[in-house]
Amino acid sequence: MRNAKPGQPTLYNAHREVRNATIHQLAALGTLSPAEIAEQAGCTERTVHRVRKEAA
């Protein structure tokens, strides 16, 4: 990843985008707690809060 050129997609960025999209989709359901979203998205509850705050 350190050798990636600026603006060049990396596996890390692709994973982050998929994770963030999953968080947004699960949050849009309105029936899951942040802890449940984190469990299903494979991340921490803190990440769920951060991703949702960045989107606001």
PDB file of N, CA and C in Angstrom:
ATOM      1  N   MET A   1       0.812  -1.193   0.000  1.00  0.00           N
ATOM      2  CA  MET A   1       0.000   0.000   0.000  1.00  0.00           C
ATOM      3  C   MET A   1       0.857   1.259   0.000  1.00  0.00           C
ATOM      4  N   ARG A   2       2.037   1.171   0.544  1.00  0.00           N
ATOM      5  CA  ARG A   2       2.889   2.357   0.593  1.00  0.00           C
ATOM      6  C   ARG A   2       3.359   2.777  -0.797  1.00  0.00           C
ATOM      7  N   ASN A   3       3.376   1.841  -1.729  1.00  0.00           N
ATOM      8  CA  ASN A   3       3.846   2.147  -3.068  1.00  0.00           C
ATOM      9  C   ASN A   3       2.734   2.617  -3.992  1.00  0.00           C
ATOM     10  N   ALA A   4       1.529   2.729  -3.486  1.00  0.00           N
ATOM     11  CA  ALA A   4       0.414   3.171  -4.318  1.00  0.00           C
ATOM     12  C   ALA A   4       0.608   4.632  -4.702  1.00  0.00           C
ATOM     13  N   LYS A   5       0.283   4.935  -5.930  1.00  0.00           N
ATOM     14  CA  LYS A   5       0.376   6.311  -6.405  1.00  0.00           C
ATOM     15  C   LYS A   5      -0.833   7.093  -5.899  1.00  0.00           C
ATOM     16  N   PRO A   6      -0.684   8.396  -5.716  1.00  0.00           N
ATOM     17  CA  PRO A   6      -1.819   9.195  -5.248  1.00  0.00           C
ATOM     18  C   PRO A   6      -3.039   9.012  -6.155  1.00  0.00           C
ATOM     19  N   GLY A   7      -4.183   8.786  -5.529  1.00  0.00           N
ATOM     20  CA  GLY A   7      -5.417   8.604  -6.275  1.00  0.00           C
ATOM     21  C   GLY A   7      -5.630   7.195  -6.798  1.00  0.00           C
ATOM     22  N   GLN A   8      -4.622   6.342  -6.670  1.00  0.00           N
ATOM     23  CA  GLN A   8      -4.723   4.970  -7.156  1.00  0.00           C
ATOM     24  C   GLN A   8      -5.494   4.130  -6.134  1.00  0.00           C
ATOM     25  N   PRO A   9      -6.496   3.368  -6.582  1.00  0.00           N
ATOM     26  CA  PRO A   9      -7.242   2.533  -5.652  1.00  0.00           C
ATOM     27  C   PRO A   9      -6.336   1.491  -4.993  1.00  0.00           C
ATOM     28  N   THR A  10      -6.601   1.226  -3.751  1.00  0.00           N
ATOM     29  CA  THR A  10      -5.871   0.178  -3.039  1.00  0.00           C
ATOM     30  C   THR A  10      -6.888  -0.793  -2.463  1.00  0.00           C
ATOM     31  N   LEU A  11      -6.427  -1.939  -2.078  1.00  0.00           N
ATOM     32  CA  LEU A  11      -7.299  -2.932  -1.459  1.00  0.00           C
ATOM     33  C   LEU A  11      -7.884  -2.384  -0.162  1.00  0.00           C
ATOM     34  N   TYR A  12      -7.078  -1.641   0.589  1.00  0.00           N
ATOM     35  CA  TYR A  12      -7.558  -1.040   1.834  1.00  0.00           C
ATOM     36  C   TYR A  12      -8.714  -0.085   1.559  1.00  0.00           C
ATOM     37  N   ASN A  13      -8.571   0.779   0.567  1.00  0.00           N
ATOM     38  CA  ASN A  13      -9.635   1.731   0.243  1.00  0.00           C
ATOM     39  C   ASN A  13     -10.894   1.018  -0.225  1.00  0.00           C
ATOM     40  N   ALA A  14     -10.730  -0.025  -0.994  1.00  0.00           N
ATOM     41  CA  ALA A  14     -11.893  -0.782  -1.481  1.00  0.00           C
ATOM     42  C   ALA A  14     -12.618  -1.435  -0.308  1.00  0.00           C
ATOM     43  N   HIS A  15     -11.876  -2.015   0.613  1.00  0.00           N
ATOM     44  CA  HIS A  15     -12.479  -2.643   1.788  1.00  0.00           C
ATOM     45  C   HIS A  15     -13.217  -1.598   2.626  1.00  0.00           C
ATOM     46  N   ARG A  16     -12.595  -0.446   2.819  1.00  0.00           N
ATOM     47  CA  ARG A  16     -13.203   0.626   3.619  1.00  0.00           C
ATOM     48  C   ARG A  16     -14.500   1.104   2.981  1.00  0.00           C
ATOM     49  N   GLU A  17     -14.525   1.245   1.669  1.00  0.00           N
ATOM     50  CA  GLU A  17     -15.733   1.693   0.987  1.00  0.00           C
ATOM     51  C   GLU A  17     -16.862   0.682   1.131  1.00  0.00           C
ATOM     52  N   VAL A  18     -16.539  -0.599   1.018  1.00  0.00           N
ATOM     53  CA  VAL A  18     -17.555  -1.649   1.180  1.00  0.00           C
ATOM     54  C   VAL A  18     -18.068  -1.648   2.614  1.00  0.00           C
ATOM     55  N   ARG A  19     -17.161  -1.550   3.578  1.00  0.00           N
ATOM     56  CA  ARG A  19     -17.556  -1.519   4.992  1.00  0.00           C
ATOM     57  C   ARG A  19     -18.453  -0.327   5.277  1.00  0.00           C
ATOM     58  N   ASN A  20     -18.073   0.838   4.793  1.00  0.00           N
ATOM     59  CA  ASN A  20     -18.870   2.040   5.032  1.00  0.00           C
ATOM     60  C   ASN A  20     -20.250   1.936   4.394  1.00  0.00           C
ATOM     61  N   ALA A  21     -20.320   1.389   3.197  1.00  0.00           N
ATOM     62  CA  ALA A  21     -21.612   1.208   2.533  1.00  0.00           C
ATOM     63  C   ALA A  21     -22.484   0.242   3.328  1.00  0.00           C
ATOM     64  N   THR A  22     -21.875  -0.800   3.859  1.00  0.00           N
ATOM     65  CA  THR A  22     -22.615  -1.758   4.677  1.00  0.00           C
ATOM     66  C   THR A  22     -23.160  -1.080   5.922  1.00  0.00           C
ATOM     67  N   ILE A  23     -22.349  -0.268   6.564  1.00  0.00           N
ATOM     68  CA  ILE A  23     -22.788   0.454   7.759  1.00  0.00           C
ATOM     69  C   ILE A  23     -23.969   1.348   7.428  1.00  0.00           C
ATOM     70  N   HIS A  24     -23.890   2.079   6.332  1.00  0.00           N
ATOM     71  CA  HIS A  24     -24.984   2.984   5.948  1.00  0.00           C
ATOM     72  C   HIS A  24     -26.263   2.212   5.638  1.00  0.00           C
ATOM     73  N   GLN A  25     -26.129   1.094   4.951  1.00  0.00           N
ATOM     74  CA  GLN A  25     -27.314   0.290   4.615  1.00  0.00           C
ATOM     75  C   GLN A  25     -27.968  -0.277   5.856  1.00  0.00           C
ATOM     76  N   LEU A  26     -27.178  -0.792   6.774  1.00  0.00           N
ATOM     77  CA  LEU A  26     -27.732  -1.357   7.998  1.00  0.00           C
ATOM     78  C   LEU A  26     -28.337  -0.271   8.882  1.00  0.00           C
ATOM     79  N   ALA A  27     -27.696   0.876   8.936  1.00  0.00           N
ATOM     80  CA  ALA A  27     -28.225   1.980   9.744  1.00  0.00           C
ATOM     81  C   ALA A  27     -29.545   2.491   9.172  1.00  0.00           C
ATOM     82  N   ALA A  28     -29.672   2.461   7.851  1.00  0.00           N
ATOM     83  CA  ALA A  28     -30.894   2.943   7.206  1.00  0.00           C
ATOM     84  C   ALA A  28     -32.101   2.076   7.552  1.00  0.00           C
ATOM     85  N   LEU A  29     -31.856   0.838   7.939  1.00  0.00           N
ATOM     86  CA  LEU A  29     -32.965  -0.029   8.341  1.00  0.00           C
ATOM     87  C   LEU A  29     -33.659   0.525   9.575  1.00  0.00           C
ATOM     88  N   GLY A  30     -32.894   1.173  10.438  1.00  0.00           N
ATOM     89  CA  GLY A  30     -33.459   1.790  11.624  1.00  0.00           C
ATOM     90  C   GLY A  30     -33.832   0.827  12.730  1.00  0.00           C
ATOM     91  N   THR A  31     -33.460  -0.430  12.597  1.00  0.00           N
ATOM     92  CA  THR A  31     -33.849  -1.419  13.601  1.00  0.00           C
ATOM     93  C   THR A  31     -32.670  -1.993  14.372  1.00  0.00           C
ATOM     94  N   LEU A  32     -31.450  -1.641  13.987  1.00  0.00           N
ATOM     95  CA  LEU A  32     -30.263  -2.218  14.618  1.00  0.00           C
ATOM     96  C   LEU A  32     -29.531  -1.180  15.454  1.00  0.00           C
ATOM     97  N   SER A  33     -28.978  -1.630  16.569  1.00  0.00           N
ATOM     98  CA  SER A  33     -28.160  -0.754  17.407  1.00  0.00           C
ATOM     99  C   SER A  33     -26.775  -0.626  16.768  1.00  0.00           C
ATOM    100  N   PRO A  34     -26.005   0.385  17.166  1.00  0.00           N
ATOM    101  CA  PRO A  34     -24.642   0.495  16.649  1.00  0.00           C
ATOM    102  C   PRO A  34     -23.805  -0.756  16.914  1.00  0.00           C
ATOM    103  N   ALA A  35     -24.016  -1.408  18.050  1.00  0.00           N
ATOM    104  CA  ALA A  35     -23.277  -2.636  18.355  1.00  0.00           C
ATOM    105  C   ALA A  35     -23.653  -3.753  17.379  1.00  0.00           C
ATOM    106  N   GLU A  36     -24.920  -3.861  17.040  1.00  0.00           N
ATOM    107  CA  GLU A  36     -25.365  -4.881  16.087  1.00  0.00           C
ATOM    108  C   GLU A  36     -24.843  -4.586  14.688  1.00  0.00           C
ATOM    109  N   ILE A  37     -24.838  -3.313  14.314  1.00  0.00           N
ATOM    110  CA  ILE A  37     -24.297  -2.923  13.008  1.00  0.00           C
ATOM    111  C   ILE A  37     -22.818  -3.273  12.948  1.00  0.00           C
ATOM    112  N   ALA A  38     -22.090  -2.951  14.009  1.00  0.00           N
ATOM    113  CA  ALA A  38     -20.656  -3.239  14.059  1.00  0.00           C
ATOM    114  C   ALA A  38     -20.391  -4.731  13.914  1.00  0.00           C
ATOM    115  N   GLU A  39     -21.179  -5.527  14.594  1.00  0.00           N
ATOM    116  CA  GLU A  39     -20.993  -6.979  14.520  1.00  0.00           C
ATOM    117  C   GLU A  39     -21.208  -7.480  13.094  1.00  0.00           C
ATOM    118  N   GLN A  40     -22.245  -6.986  12.443  1.00  0.00           N
ATOM    119  CA  GLN A  40     -22.545  -7.447  11.084  1.00  0.00           C
ATOM    120  C   GLN A  40     -21.566  -6.888  10.056  1.00  0.00           C
ATOM    121  N   ALA A  41     -21.052  -5.680  10.297  1.00  0.00           N
ATOM    122  CA  ALA A  41     -20.121  -5.058   9.352  1.00  0.00           C
ATOM    123  C   ALA A  41     -18.675  -5.490   9.598  1.00  0.00           C
ATOM    124  N   GLY A  42     -18.433  -6.172  10.707  1.00  0.00           N
ATOM    125  CA  GLY A  42     -17.076  -6.632  11.003  1.00  0.00           C
ATOM    126  C   GLY A  42     -16.152  -5.521  11.433  1.00  0.00           C
ATOM    127  N   CYS A  43     -16.673  -4.606  12.244  1.00  0.00           N
ATOM    128  CA  CYS A  43     -15.862  -3.500  12.722  1.00  0.00           C
ATOM    129  C   CYS A  43     -16.231  -3.210  14.169  1.00  0.00           C
ATOM    130  N   THR A  44     -15.694  -2.127  14.699  1.00  0.00           N
ATOM    131  CA  THR A  44     -16.012  -1.751  16.066  1.00  0.00           C
ATOM    132  C   THR A  44     -17.204  -0.798  16.084  1.00  0.00           C
ATOM    133  N   GLU A  45     -17.806  -0.682  17.252  1.00  0.00           N
ATOM    134  CA  GLU A  45     -18.917   0.259  17.417  1.00  0.00           C
ATOM    135  C   GLU A  45     -18.423   1.690  17.200  1.00  0.00           C
ATOM    136  N   ARG A  46     -17.192   1.957  17.587  1.00  0.00           N
ATOM    137  CA  ARG A  46     -16.610   3.286  17.373  1.00  0.00           C
ATOM    138  C   ARG A  46     -16.552   3.625  15.883  1.00  0.00           C
ATOM    139  N   THR A  47     -16.199   2.639  15.070  1.00  0.00           N
ATOM    140  CA  THR A  47     -16.147   2.851  13.623  1.00  0.00           C
ATOM    141  C   THR A  47     -17.531   3.180  13.085  1.00  0.00           C
ATOM    142  N   VAL A  48     -18.551   2.491  13.579  1.00  0.00           N
ATOM    143  CA  VAL A  48     -19.931   2.772  13.142  1.00  0.00           C
ATOM    144  C   VAL A  48     -20.269   4.226  13.444  1.00  0.00           C
ATOM    145  N   HIS A  49     -19.976   4.685  14.646  1.00  0.00           N
ATOM    146  CA  HIS A  49     -20.270   6.073  15.008  1.00  0.00           C
ATOM    147  C   HIS A  49     -19.502   7.049  14.127  1.00  0.00           C
ATOM    148  N   ARG A  50     -18.218   6.756  13.875  1.00  0.00           N
ATOM    149  CA  ARG A  50     -17.381   7.651  13.057  1.00  0.00           C
ATOM    150  C   ARG A  50     -17.894   7.739  11.623  1.00  0.00           C
ATOM    151  N   VAL A  51     -18.217   6.586  11.035  1.00  0.00           N
ATOM    152  CA  VAL A  51     -18.690   6.568   9.647  1.00  0.00           C
ATOM    153  C   VAL A  51     -20.007   7.315   9.517  1.00  0.00           C
ATOM    154  N   ARG A  52     -20.908   7.112  10.475  1.00  0.00           N
ATOM    155  CA  ARG A  52     -22.203   7.793  10.412  1.00  0.00           C
ATOM    156  C   ARG A  52     -22.047   9.296  10.628  1.00  0.00           C
ATOM    157  N   LYS A  53     -21.098   9.700  11.491  1.00  0.00           N
ATOM    158  CA  LYS A  53     -20.863  11.126  11.729  1.00  0.00           C
ATOM    159  C   LYS A  53     -20.266  11.796  10.491  1.00  0.00           C
ATOM    160  N   GLU A  54     -19.348  11.103   9.809  1.00  0.00           N
ATOM    161  CA  GLU A  54     -18.726  11.651   8.599  1.00  0.00           C
ATOM    162  C   GLU A  54     -19.756  11.868   7.500  1.00  0.00           C
ATOM    163  N   ALA A  55     -20.791  11.049   7.472  1.00  0.00           N
ATOM    164  CA  ALA A  55     -21.805  11.152   6.412  1.00  0.00           C
ATOM    165  C   ALA A  55     -22.785  12.292   6.678  1.00  0.00           C
ATOM    166  N   ALA A  56     -22.852  12.730   7.923  1.00  0.00           N
ATOM    167  CA  ALA A  56     -23.826  13.776   8.274  1.00  0.00           C
ATOM    168  C   ALA A  56     -23.364  15.159   7.871  1.00  0.00           C
TER     169      ALA A  56
END
